[in-house]
Amino acid sequence: MSAPVMFNRRLRRDETDTWLDLVNQTTEHGYANRSLAVSYLGLPDTIAFVSSINDEVIGGTAIYRDRNRLGMVLSSAAVLKKFRKTSAFHIIKTSLPFLRTVAIRDVDALVADGPQRTGIGFPVSLALDSWTMRTLASMNFEPIGAMRSYVLECGESNVIQPNEAKWDKEPNMEGTKQLIWAQREAIGQSNSLVWNAFDFACSRRTLKTYSVNGTARIATSIERLNDTAAVGLIVVGPDCSESSAVDCIVSELCREQTMKVHLPLISGELASLVGSLADRLGASPKKQALTLLRKHL
């Protein structure tokens, strides 16, 4: 009797619910918000895949094409536990480019170093579960940096008096691109995940910028989920102090009651800023270690 054949293909629009249910069933934190996840899957540069055996969906992935630094992000990997040893390699590999092209030079993936204590779920966090580390290593993904995610739980009795931030009336998108390019090494974000965060913020209209004479000095994005705020992007220019950046972010967090703040993509270079933000919010930060992997095509 022949072994069952696994089929891999792009996700159809009418299969979105099936794909999201799989993410919820097989990943530590599932999706953060269903409509938010659907919005991410609808980005022009996001592609989702499903894998099935005998018409049973056993796995799925999502990738994001980064047109800015000519890379790609493996933004989700969901595989039923009983198929991980035998099929995860094939499920993930078939969703990635086979060869280097002019448009795609490498693939980035963010993997949790252990149980995700500070996770919030897809697509607010694109950190893959720790079991994927071995599978990705077998595909020649290599560690290129250490990242962190944080959650700040604010005390109910804490009263914050924020300074009013002078945000741009319209977000300075081109200025933010220039800021990311100029500061990518200084902020430890020379990767495609930061561009994913930027593009998603633009799509969701959550991008906030502070500019002087047309030059972006601060760029951030804040997605609200009930009493939780997710700060997906933080980029600070060399002419802006840490305290000024914290003031701007706090002013936005305080527009509505925020009891918990998630920061899913923080480099070591931004750890001090997170500490200052926690102090202003009267919060005790919880940290999760993440590893940034890259596969050169």
C-alpha atoms as a PDB file:
ATOM      1  CA  MET A   1       0.000   0.000   0.000  1.00  0.00           C
ATOM      2  CA  SER A   2       1.481   3.342  -1.034  1.00  0.00           C
ATOM      3  CA  ALA A   3       2.048   6.116   1.478  1.00  0.00           C
ATOM      4  CA  PRO A   4      -0.424   9.023   1.407  1.00  0.00           C
ATOM      5  CA  VAL A   5       0.647  11.973  -0.705  1.00  0.00           C
ATOM      6  CA  MET A   6       0.905  15.446   0.778  1.00  0.00           C
ATOM      7  CA  PHE A   7      -0.247  18.397  -1.332  1.00  0.00           C
ATOM      8  CA  ASN A   8       0.968  21.958  -0.793  1.00  0.00           C
ATOM      9  CA  ARG A   9      -0.682  24.961  -2.365  1.00  0.00           C
ATOM     10  CA  ARG A  10      -1.547  28.605  -1.893  1.00  0.00           C
ATOM     11  CA  LEU A  11      -4.440  29.402   0.376  1.00  0.00           C
ATOM     12  CA  ARG A  12      -7.755  30.127  -1.315  1.00  0.00           C
ATOM     13  CA  ARG A  13      -9.837  33.025  -0.051  1.00  0.00           C
ATOM     14  CA  ASP A  14     -12.587  30.699   1.097  1.00  0.00           C
ATOM     15  CA  GLU A  15     -10.082  28.782   3.262  1.00  0.00           C
ATOM     16  CA  THR A  16      -9.038  31.640   5.533  1.00  0.00           C
ATOM     17  CA  ASP A  17     -11.127  30.366   8.445  1.00  0.00           C
ATOM     18  CA  THR A  18      -9.603  26.893   8.116  1.00  0.00           C
ATOM     19  CA  TRP A  19      -6.086  28.347   8.138  1.00  0.00           C
ATOM     20  CA  LEU A  20      -6.775  30.537  11.179  1.00  0.00           C
ATOM     21  CA  ASP A  21      -8.368  27.645  13.056  1.00  0.00           C
ATOM     22  CA  LEU A  22      -5.198  25.643  12.395  1.00  0.00           C
ATOM     23  CA  VAL A  23      -3.057  28.485  13.795  1.00  0.00           C
ATOM     24  CA  ASN A  24      -5.233  28.594  16.894  1.00  0.00           C
ATOM     25  CA  GLN A  25      -5.042  24.834  17.402  1.00  0.00           C
ATOM     26  CA  THR A  26      -1.331  24.293  16.806  1.00  0.00           C
ATOM     27  CA  THR A  27       0.566  27.380  18.025  1.00  0.00           C
ATOM     28  CA  GLU A  28       1.118  28.524  21.603  1.00  0.00           C
ATOM     29  CA  HIS A  29      -0.868  31.756  21.348  1.00  0.00           C
ATOM     30  CA  GLY A  30      -2.916  31.284  18.186  1.00  0.00           C
ATOM     31  CA  TYR A  31      -3.985  34.540  16.623  1.00  0.00           C
ATOM     32  CA  ALA A  32      -4.293  37.763  18.603  1.00  0.00           C
ATOM     33  CA  ASN A  33      -7.444  38.926  16.869  1.00  0.00           C
ATOM     34  CA  ARG A  34      -9.286  37.305  13.971  1.00  0.00           C
ATOM     35  CA  SER A  35      -9.999  40.446  11.954  1.00  0.00           C
ATOM     36  CA  LEU A  36      -6.406  41.584  12.489  1.00  0.00           C
ATOM     37  CA  ALA A  37      -5.120  38.239  11.205  1.00  0.00           C
ATOM     38  CA  VAL A  38      -7.387  38.434   8.154  1.00  0.00           C
ATOM     39  CA  SER A  39      -6.070  41.937   7.518  1.00  0.00           C
ATOM     40  CA  TYR A  40      -2.478  40.654   7.606  1.00  0.00           C
ATOM     41  CA  LEU A  41      -3.247  37.799   5.234  1.00  0.00           C
ATOM     42  CA  GLY A  42      -4.773  40.368   2.876  1.00  0.00           C
ATOM     43  CA  LEU A  43      -1.569  42.404   2.554  1.00  0.00           C
ATOM     44  CA  PRO A  44      -0.373  42.547  -1.083  1.00  0.00           C
ATOM     45  CA  ASP A  45       2.967  41.008  -0.113  1.00  0.00           C
ATOM     46  CA  THR A  46       1.665  38.269   2.195  1.00  0.00           C
ATOM     47  CA  ILE A  47       1.106  34.757   0.865  1.00  0.00           C
ATOM     48  CA  ALA A  48      -0.351  31.889   2.878  1.00  0.00           C
ATOM     49  CA  PHE A  49      -0.045  28.190   2.099  1.00  0.00           C
ATOM     50  CA  VAL A  50      -1.834  25.038   3.229  1.00  0.00           C
ATOM     51  CA  SER A  51      -0.675  21.431   3.226  1.00  0.00           C
ATOM     52  CA  SER A  52      -3.053  18.495   3.251  1.00  0.00           C
ATOM     53  CA  ILE A  53      -3.122  14.692   3.230  1.00  0.00           C
ATOM     54  CA  ASN A  54      -6.267  12.927   2.039  1.00  0.00           C
ATOM     55  CA  ASP A  55      -8.118  16.278   2.119  1.00  0.00           C
ATOM     56  CA  GLU A  56      -7.154  16.841   5.777  1.00  0.00           C
ATOM     57  CA  VAL A  57      -5.297  20.119   6.365  1.00  0.00           C
ATOM     58  CA  ILE A  58      -2.243  19.232   8.456  1.00  0.00           C
ATOM     59  CA  GLY A  59      -0.190  22.415   8.230  1.00  0.00           C
ATOM     60  CA  GLY A  60       0.111  25.912   6.923  1.00  0.00           C
ATOM     61  CA  THR A  61       2.569  28.758   6.585  1.00  0.00           C
ATOM     62  CA  ALA A  62       2.583  32.445   5.801  1.00  0.00           C
ATOM     63  CA  ILE A  63       5.354  34.471   4.226  1.00  0.00           C
ATOM     64  CA  TYR A  64       5.824  38.195   3.740  1.00  0.00           C
ATOM     65  CA  ARG A  65       7.820  39.593   0.838  1.00  0.00           C
ATOM     66  CA  ASP A  66       9.977  42.542   1.867  1.00  0.00           C
ATOM     67  CA  ARG A  67      10.406  44.812  -1.141  1.00  0.00           C
ATOM     68  CA  ASN A  68      12.537  47.304   0.798  1.00  0.00           C
ATOM     69  CA  ARG A  69      15.578  45.200   1.650  1.00  0.00           C
ATOM     70  CA  LEU A  70      14.754  42.474  -0.904  1.00  0.00           C
ATOM     71  CA  GLY A  71      14.083  39.764   1.623  1.00  0.00           C
ATOM     72  CA  MET A  72      11.303  37.634   3.020  1.00  0.00           C
ATOM     73  CA  VAL A  73       9.855  36.719   6.421  1.00  0.00           C
ATOM     74  CA  LEU A  74       8.527  33.337   7.441  1.00  0.00           C
ATOM     75  CA  SER A  75       5.747  34.867   9.491  1.00  0.00           C
ATOM     76  CA  SER A  76       3.834  31.766  10.558  1.00  0.00           C
ATOM     77  CA  ALA A  77       4.348  28.001  10.710  1.00  0.00           C
ATOM     78  CA  ALA A  78       1.445  25.911  11.980  1.00  0.00           C
ATOM     79  CA  VAL A  79       1.677  22.109  11.855  1.00  0.00           C
ATOM     80  CA  LEU A  80      -0.396  19.487  13.653  1.00  0.00           C
ATOM     81  CA  LYS A  81       1.789  17.982  16.369  1.00  0.00           C
ATOM     82  CA  LYS A  82       1.560  14.406  15.076  1.00  0.00           C
ATOM     83  CA  PHE A  83       2.961  15.513  11.705  1.00  0.00           C
ATOM     84  CA  ARG A  84       5.823  17.743  12.883  1.00  0.00           C
ATOM     85  CA  LYS A  85       8.576  15.107  12.816  1.00  0.00           C
ATOM     86  CA  THR A  86       7.594  13.686   9.443  1.00  0.00           C
ATOM     87  CA  SER A  87       6.196  16.646   7.505  1.00  0.00           C
ATOM     88  CA  ALA A  88       7.173  20.027   9.015  1.00  0.00           C
ATOM     89  CA  PHE A  89      10.373  20.248   6.947  1.00  0.00           C
ATOM     90  CA  HIS A  90       8.496  19.761   3.679  1.00  0.00           C
ATOM     91  CA  ILE A  91       5.583  22.027   4.689  1.00  0.00           C
ATOM     92  CA  ILE A  92       7.891  24.951   5.457  1.00  0.00           C
ATOM     93  CA  LYS A  93      10.393  24.364   2.654  1.00  0.00           C
ATOM     94  CA  THR A  94       7.789  24.319  -0.106  1.00  0.00           C
ATOM     95  CA  SER A  95       6.592  27.781   0.904  1.00  0.00           C
ATOM     96  CA  LEU A  96      10.059  29.325   0.522  1.00  0.00           C
ATOM     97  CA  PRO A  97      11.959  30.294  -2.635  1.00  0.00           C
ATOM     98  CA  PHE A  98      14.287  27.615  -3.993  1.00  0.00           C
ATOM     99  CA  LEU A  99      16.809  30.047  -5.451  1.00  0.00           C
ATOM    100  CA  ARG A 100      18.122  33.540  -4.879  1.00  0.00           C
ATOM    101  CA  THR A 101      16.502  36.079  -7.211  1.00  0.00           C
ATOM    102  CA  VAL A 102      16.926  39.764  -7.926  1.00  0.00           C
ATOM    103  CA  ALA A 103      13.885  40.440  -5.709  1.00  0.00           C
ATOM    104  CA  ILE A 104      14.549  37.999  -2.828  1.00  0.00           C
ATOM    105  CA  ARG A 105      18.023  37.420  -1.395  1.00  0.00           C
ATOM    106  CA  ASP A 106      17.258  35.859   2.001  1.00  0.00           C
ATOM    107  CA  VAL A 107      14.544  34.734   4.415  1.00  0.00           C
ATOM    108  CA  ASP A 108      14.248  35.841   8.046  1.00  0.00           C
ATOM    109  CA  ALA A 109      12.472  33.981  10.837  1.00  0.00           C
ATOM    110  CA  LEU A 110      12.007  34.900  14.492  1.00  0.00           C
ATOM    111  CA  VAL A 111      11.876  31.931  16.882  1.00  0.00           C
ATOM    112  CA  ALA A 112      11.113  31.828  20.598  1.00  0.00           C
ATOM    113  CA  ASP A 113      13.901  30.324  22.705  1.00  0.00           C
ATOM    114  CA  GLY A 114      11.354  28.501  24.862  1.00  0.00           C
ATOM    115  CA  PRO A 115       7.692  28.703  25.944  1.00  0.00           C
ATOM    116  CA  GLN A 116       6.319  32.085  24.931  1.00  0.00           C
ATOM    117  CA  ARG A 117       5.538  33.740  28.254  1.00  0.00           C
ATOM    118  CA  THR A 118       5.069  37.163  26.683  1.00  0.00           C
ATOM    119  CA  GLY A 119       3.320  36.115  23.483  1.00  0.00           C
ATOM    120  CA  ILE A 120       0.254  37.809  22.089  1.00  0.00           C
ATOM    121  CA  GLY A 121      -0.370  35.782  18.957  1.00  0.00           C
ATOM    122  CA  PHE A 122      -0.283  36.164  15.190  1.00  0.00           C
ATOM    123  CA  PRO A 123       0.144  38.621  13.498  1.00  0.00           C
ATOM    124  CA  VAL A 124       0.987  41.072  16.292  1.00  0.00           C
ATOM    125  CA  SER A 125       3.883  38.771  17.099  1.00  0.00           C
ATOM    126  CA  LEU A 126       5.556  36.823  14.314  1.00  0.00           C
ATOM    127  CA  ALA A 127       7.686  34.745  16.696  1.00  0.00           C
ATOM    128  CA  LEU A 128       7.476  31.082  15.753  1.00  0.00           C
ATOM    129  CA  ASP A 129       7.184  28.425  18.445  1.00  0.00           C
ATOM    130  CA  SER A 130      10.445  26.958  19.731  1.00  0.00           C
ATOM    131  CA  TRP A 131       9.907  23.542  18.091  1.00  0.00           C
ATOM    132  CA  THR A 132      10.570  25.136  14.689  1.00  0.00           C
ATOM    133  CA  MET A 133      14.199  25.907  15.587  1.00  0.00           C
ATOM    134  CA  ARG A 134      15.480  22.415  14.740  1.00  0.00           C
ATOM    135  CA  THR A 135      13.447  22.247  11.528  1.00  0.00           C
ATOM    136  CA  LEU A 136      14.728  25.611  10.325  1.00  0.00           C
ATOM    137  CA  ALA A 137      18.320  24.706  11.210  1.00  0.00           C
ATOM    138  CA  SER A 138      18.016  21.662   8.950  1.00  0.00           C
ATOM    139  CA  MET A 139      17.138  24.059   6.117  1.00  0.00           C
ATOM    140  CA  ASN A 140      20.328  26.083   6.696  1.00  0.00           C
ATOM    141  CA  PHE A 141      18.731  28.916   8.647  1.00  0.00           C
ATOM    142  CA  GLU A 142      21.452  30.403  10.849  1.00  0.00           C
ATOM    143  CA  PRO A 143      21.228  32.604  13.974  1.00  0.00           C
ATOM    144  CA  ILE A 144      22.162  36.206  13.202  1.00  0.00           C
ATOM    145  CA  GLY A 145      21.011  38.002  16.334  1.00  0.00           C
ATOM    146  CA  ALA A 146      19.219  37.969  19.665  1.00  0.00           C
ATOM    147  CA  MET A 147      15.880  39.739  20.001  1.00  0.00           C
ATOM    148  CA  ARG A 148      13.344  40.104  22.797  1.00  0.00           C
ATOM    149  CA  SER A 149       9.655  40.588  23.295  1.00  0.00           C
ATOM    150  CA  TYR A 150       8.248  42.321  26.366  1.00  0.00           C
ATOM    151  CA  VAL A 151       4.940  42.673  28.111  1.00  0.00           C
ATOM    152  CA  LEU A 152       4.343  45.545  30.526  1.00  0.00           C
ATOM    153  CA  GLU A 153       1.450  45.169  32.939  1.00  0.00           C
ATOM    154  CA  CYS A 154       0.345  48.549  34.228  1.00  0.00           C
ATOM    155  CA  GLY A 155      -0.938  48.961  37.759  1.00  0.00           C
ATOM    156  CA  GLU A 156      -4.608  49.948  37.988  1.00  0.00           C
ATOM    157  CA  SER A 157      -3.876  52.668  40.504  1.00  0.00           C
ATOM    158  CA  ASN A 158      -1.046  54.165  38.462  1.00  0.00           C
ATOM    159  CA  VAL A 159      -1.901  57.648  37.213  1.00  0.00           C
ATOM    160  CA  ILE A 160       0.195  58.831  34.283  1.00  0.00           C
ATOM    161  CA  GLN A 161       0.477  62.461  33.324  1.00  0.00           C
ATOM    162  CA  PRO A 162       1.702  62.305  29.732  1.00  0.00           C
ATOM    163  CA  ASN A 163       3.122  65.164  27.754  1.00  0.00           C
ATOM    164  CA  GLU A 164       1.101  65.940  24.648  1.00  0.00           C
ATOM    165  CA  ALA A 165       3.045  64.607  21.677  1.00  0.00           C
ATOM    166  CA  LYS A 166       3.138  66.686  18.506  1.00  0.00           C
ATOM    167  CA  TRP A 167       2.544  63.904  16.020  1.00  0.00           C
ATOM    168  CA  ASP A 168       2.487  64.677  12.315  1.00  0.00           C
ATOM    169  CA  LYS A 169      -1.058  65.261  11.059  1.00  0.00           C
ATOM    170  CA  GLU A 170      -0.370  62.664   8.379  1.00  0.00           C
ATOM    171  CA  PRO A 171       2.231  59.950   8.978  1.00  0.00           C
ATOM    172  CA  ASN A 172       5.527  60.647   7.264  1.00  0.00           C
ATOM    173  CA  MET A 173       5.855  57.329   5.423  1.00  0.00           C
ATOM    174  CA  GLU A 174       8.784  58.232   3.194  1.00  0.00           C
ATOM    175  CA  GLY A 175      10.528  59.850   6.128  1.00  0.00           C
ATOM    176  CA  THR A 176      10.014  56.668   8.151  1.00  0.00           C
ATOM    177  CA  LYS A 177      11.569  54.585   5.388  1.00  0.00           C
ATOM    178  CA  GLN A 178      14.603  56.850   5.393  1.00  0.00           C
ATOM    179  CA  LEU A 179      14.763  56.702   9.196  1.00  0.00           C
ATOM    180  CA  ILE A 180      14.677  52.890   9.235  1.00  0.00           C
ATOM    181  CA  TRP A 181      17.403  52.698   6.593  1.00  0.00           C
ATOM    182  CA  ALA A 182      19.587  55.203   8.424  1.00  0.00           C
ATOM    183  CA  GLN A 183      19.073  53.726  11.902  1.00  0.00           C
ATOM    184  CA  ARG A 184      18.746  50.014  11.180  1.00  0.00           C
ATOM    185  CA  GLU A 185      22.175  49.205  12.614  1.00  0.00           C
ATOM    186  CA  ALA A 186      21.897  51.616  15.551  1.00  0.00           C
ATOM    187  CA  ILE A 187      18.553  50.129  16.637  1.00  0.00           C
ATOM    188  CA  GLY A 188      19.560  46.540  15.861  1.00  0.00           C
ATOM    189  CA  GLN A 189      16.867  46.080  13.238  1.00  0.00           C
ATOM    190  CA  SER A 190      18.708  45.242  10.024  1.00  0.00           C
ATOM    191  CA  ASN A 191      16.111  42.644   9.087  1.00  0.00           C
ATOM    192  CA  SER A 192      12.895  42.164   7.154  1.00  0.00           C
ATOM    193  CA  LEU A 193      10.704  41.936  10.266  1.00  0.00           C
ATOM    194  CA  VAL A 194      11.001  45.670  10.894  1.00  0.00           C
ATOM    195  CA  TRP A 195       9.852  46.328   7.311  1.00  0.00           C
ATOM    196  CA  ASN A 196       6.972  43.919   7.839  1.00  0.00           C
ATOM    197  CA  ALA A 197       5.979  45.941  10.919  1.00  0.00           C
ATOM    198  CA  PHE A 198       6.222  49.176   8.925  1.00  0.00           C
ATOM    199  CA  ASP A 199       4.109  47.923   6.022  1.00  0.00           C
ATOM    200  CA  PHE A 200       1.459  46.473   8.319  1.00  0.00           C
ATOM    201  CA  ALA A 201       1.283  49.740  10.283  1.00  0.00           C
ATOM    202  CA  CYS A 202       0.787  51.676   7.044  1.00  0.00           C
ATOM    203  CA  SER A 203      -1.942  49.270   5.959  1.00  0.00           C
ATOM    204  CA  ARG A 204      -3.683  49.471   9.338  1.00  0.00           C
ATOM    205  CA  ARG A 205      -3.206  53.265   9.524  1.00  0.00           C
ATOM    206  CA  THR A 206      -1.602  52.923  12.941  1.00  0.00           C
ATOM    207  CA  LEU A 207       1.715  54.529  11.971  1.00  0.00           C
ATOM    208  CA  LYS A 208       2.580  57.614  14.039  1.00  0.00           C
ATOM    209  CA  THR A 209       5.490  59.892  13.208  1.00  0.00           C
ATOM    210  CA  TYR A 210       7.106  62.990  14.631  1.00  0.00           C
ATOM    211  CA  SER A 211       9.033  65.053  12.089  1.00  0.00           C
ATOM    212  CA  VAL A 212      11.113  68.224  12.070  1.00  0.00           C
ATOM    213  CA  ASN A 213      11.351  70.082   8.771  1.00  0.00           C
ATOM    214  CA  GLY A 214      10.101  67.015   6.953  1.00  0.00           C
ATOM    215  CA  THR A 215      12.641  64.654   8.552  1.00  0.00           C
ATOM    216  CA  ALA A 216      11.156  61.870  10.653  1.00  0.00           C
ATOM    217  CA  ARG A 217      12.642  61.759  14.154  1.00  0.00           C
ATOM    218  CA  ILE A 218      10.349  59.162  15.753  1.00  0.00           C
ATOM    219  CA  ALA A 219       8.181  56.458  14.180  1.00  0.00           C
ATOM    220  CA  THR A 220       5.967  54.027  16.046  1.00  0.00           C
ATOM    221  CA  SER A 221       2.764  52.050  15.624  1.00  0.00           C
ATOM    222  CA  ILE A 222       0.252  51.079  18.268  1.00  0.00           C
ATOM    223  CA  GLU A 223      -2.482  48.514  17.691  1.00  0.00           C
ATOM    224  CA  ARG A 224      -5.243  48.430  20.299  1.00  0.00           C
ATOM    225  CA  LEU A 225      -6.881  45.179  21.378  1.00  0.00           C
ATOM    226  CA  ASN A 226      -9.419  46.030  24.092  1.00  0.00           C
ATOM    227  CA  ASP A 227      -7.332  47.165  27.109  1.00  0.00           C
ATOM    228  CA  THR A 228      -4.107  45.910  25.517  1.00  0.00           C
ATOM    229  CA  ALA A 229      -1.809  47.917  23.278  1.00  0.00           C
ATOM    230  CA  ALA A 230       0.755  46.354  20.958  1.00  0.00           C
ATOM    231  CA  VAL A 231       3.668  48.575  19.975  1.00  0.00           C
ATOM    232  CA  GLY A 232       4.791  46.925  16.778  1.00  0.00           C
ATOM    233  CA  LEU A 233       7.331  49.478  15.591  1.00  0.00           C
ATOM    234  CA  ILE A 234       9.777  51.758  17.398  1.00  0.00           C
ATOM    235  CA  VAL A 235      12.380  53.721  15.443  1.00  0.00           C
ATOM    236  CA  VAL A 236      14.184  56.674  16.999  1.00  0.00           C
ATOM    237  CA  GLY A 237      16.534  59.033  15.160  1.00  0.00           C
ATOM    238  CA  PRO A 238      19.928  60.190  16.432  1.00  0.00           C
ATOM    239  CA  ASP A 239      18.632  63.718  17.046  1.00  0.00           C
ATOM    240  CA  CYS A 240      15.885  62.536  19.390  1.00  0.00           C
ATOM    241  CA  SER A 241      16.474  61.714  23.044  1.00  0.00           C
ATOM    242  CA  GLU A 242      15.220  58.533  24.634  1.00  0.00           C
ATOM    243  CA  SER A 243      13.067  60.524  27.059  1.00  0.00           C
ATOM    244  CA  SER A 244      11.380  62.359  24.182  1.00  0.00           C
ATOM    245  CA  ALA A 245      10.618  59.086  22.438  1.00  0.00           C
ATOM    246  CA  VAL A 246       9.177  57.624  25.633  1.00  0.00           C
ATOM    247  CA  ASP A 247       7.045  60.753  26.153  1.00  0.00           C
ATOM    248  CA  CYS A 248       5.599  60.383  22.656  1.00  0.00           C
ATOM    249  CA  ILE A 249       4.760  56.702  23.088  1.00  0.00           C
ATOM    250  CA  VAL A 250       3.275  57.216  26.559  1.00  0.00           C
ATOM    251  CA  SER A 251       1.095  60.079  25.299  1.00  0.00           C
ATOM    252  CA  GLU A 252      -0.424  57.734  22.733  1.00  0.00           C
ATOM    253  CA  LEU A 253      -0.884  54.856  25.168  1.00  0.00           C
ATOM    254  CA  CYS A 254      -2.732  57.128  27.572  1.00  0.00           C
ATOM    255  CA  ARG A 255      -5.399  58.246  25.112  1.00  0.00           C
ATOM    256  CA  GLU A 256      -7.377  55.199  26.221  1.00  0.00           C
ATOM    257  CA  GLN A 257      -7.056  53.063  29.326  1.00  0.00           C
ATOM    258  CA  THR A 258      -4.222  50.631  28.673  1.00  0.00           C
ATOM    259  CA  MET A 259      -3.648  47.864  31.192  1.00  0.00           C
ATOM    260  CA  LYS A 260      -1.094  45.852  29.252  1.00  0.00           C
ATOM    261  CA  VAL A 261       1.513  46.795  26.647  1.00  0.00           C
ATOM    262  CA  HIS A 262       3.113  44.266  24.313  1.00  0.00           C
ATOM    263  CA  LEU A 263       6.375  44.988  22.516  1.00  0.00           C
ATOM    264  CA  PRO A 264       6.902  41.995  20.216  1.00  0.00           C
ATOM    265  CA  LEU A 265      10.068  43.038  18.355  1.00  0.00           C
ATOM    266  CA  ILE A 266      12.774  44.613  20.509  1.00  0.00           C
ATOM    267  CA  SER A 267      16.517  44.487  19.923  1.00  0.00           C
ATOM    268  CA  GLY A 268      19.138  44.772  22.649  1.00  0.00           C
ATOM    269  CA  GLU A 269      19.811  48.326  21.485  1.00  0.00           C
ATOM    270  CA  LEU A 270      16.258  49.309  22.474  1.00  0.00           C
ATOM    271  CA  ALA A 271      16.243  47.591  25.884  1.00  0.00           C
ATOM    272  CA  SER A 272      17.033  50.840  27.700  1.00  0.00           C
ATOM    273  CA  LEU A 273      14.086  52.575  26.045  1.00  0.00           C
ATOM    274  CA  VAL A 274      11.776  49.742  27.129  1.00  0.00           C
ATOM    275  CA  GLY A 275      13.073  50.114  30.684  1.00  0.00           C
ATOM    276  CA  SER A 276      12.299  53.835  30.634  1.00  0.00           C
ATOM    277  CA  LEU A 277       8.859  53.137  29.194  1.00  0.00           C
ATOM    278  CA  ALA A 278       8.148  50.611  31.964  1.00  0.00           C
ATOM    279  CA  ASP A 279       9.204  53.162  34.598  1.00  0.00           C
ATOM    280  CA  ARG A 280       6.848  55.783  33.164  1.00  0.00           C
ATOM    281  CA  LEU A 281       3.977  53.295  33.125  1.00  0.00           C
ATOM    282  CA  GLY A 282       4.757  51.952  36.588  1.00  0.00           C
ATOM    283  CA  ALA A 283       5.002  48.485  35.082  1.00  0.00           C
ATOM    284  CA  SER A 284       7.188  45.474  35.749  1.00  0.00           C
ATOM    285  CA  PRO A 285       8.503  44.219  32.393  1.00  0.00           C
ATOM    286  CA  LYS A 286       8.432  40.520  31.542  1.00  0.00           C
ATOM    287  CA  LYS A 287      10.927  39.472  28.894  1.00  0.00           C
ATOM    288  CA  GLN A 288      11.022  36.649  26.344  1.00  0.00           C
ATOM    289  CA  ALA A 289      14.240  35.723  24.544  1.00  0.00           C
ATOM    290  CA  LEU A 290      13.953  35.306  20.770  1.00  0.00           C
ATOM    291  CA  THR A 291      16.454  34.276  18.126  1.00  0.00           C
ATOM    292  CA  LEU A 292      16.574  35.911  14.713  1.00  0.00           C
ATOM    293  CA  LEU A 293      17.433  33.381  12.014  1.00  0.00           C
ATOM    294  CA  ARG A 294      18.332  33.981   8.388  1.00  0.00           C
ATOM    295  CA  LYS A 295      18.593  31.706   5.367  1.00  0.00           C
ATOM    296  CA  HIS A 296      20.694  33.055   2.516  1.00  0.00           C
ATOM    297  CA  LEU A 297      19.373  31.942  -0.858  1.00  0.00           C
END
